[in-house]
């Protein structure tokens, strides 16, 4: 019996040692974790998108988001918006993301006075196709890692509608100050007006590979711009045509423009859907498409339609404008008739 009790005491002692050692290890790890540090780039990306998308943990490709329009990093003393449309998720050590579904705005806040970027920031802001603005104005400070931005962005600290320094950025500026970054095309109608300097740190469109300047798929020719967006330059397709994204070598590029006369005189196209990423439909783009009977435009508030874009299409054609309301919708319908 004594021997049995001795064995039990020995086992309990060993278990206590393991437990205490484990507690010591956990405490040490917790002590070394820096408060206010964000998740790795892709994990951060997926978590933000999970507010509006069903994302599997082992999903390899990053989904496209058409919901988030602004990402705003807050000072720890700033109040969060309240209401039934606001949801929250952890996005780092003592960092929480709050998404306002009504305003399409993502707020990032930490209990720390500074928010730190992780060592791996790969694709942190990748495939947010409606993202117009990233606001770091109050937090974080002292950017010391390379954080890529998809496309060309301006520094917009003065919020007057124009670039502060006339420079396009493809990465966060590494300095001791924080800034508000606004996407080039979201800066309509001022984009390109004041740009006298070259792009800072020119990036290849997919971050990892250099793509050709143009590519033709399904009888649609796209020009892939250095900012990571695509422009439709020629459409010779027949039947149903959808213009939304161009996928090249597994990388998706949003179509932001349709060139002047891109589909002019095409008598084989019968229906057309234009996606929400398109911000410009050029002059005479679909003029003279006699068989075009159905057009659906998933418009955004920045969309402009050039003169004669839909002139002389099928007389029985139906043109629907979705995604915008009131004065913006009326303006687009008027432009369609010009």
Foldseek 3Di string as FASTA:
>chain_A
DVVVVVVVVVVVVVVVVVVVVVVVVVVVVVVPFDFQEFDAQVLLQQVVQVVPDDDDPPDDDRDAAAQAAEEEEDFQPDDDDDDPQWDWDDGGHQKMWIARRVVSYIYIYGNDREHHYDQHNPCNPPRHLNHFKYHCQRYDFQDDHWHFAQFWKAFCAVVPLEHPPLETEGTADRDGGTTMIGHQLSSPPCRPVRRPDYYDPQAALVNPDHDDQWDDDQQWIWGQDSRNAIETQAHQHAEEEEQFWDADPNDTHGHAEYEACRQAQRQRYAEYEYDANHQEYEHCPHANNANHAEYEYAYDLNHDYYANVQHNYHPNHDYHYHNDDDPSVVVRVVRNVD
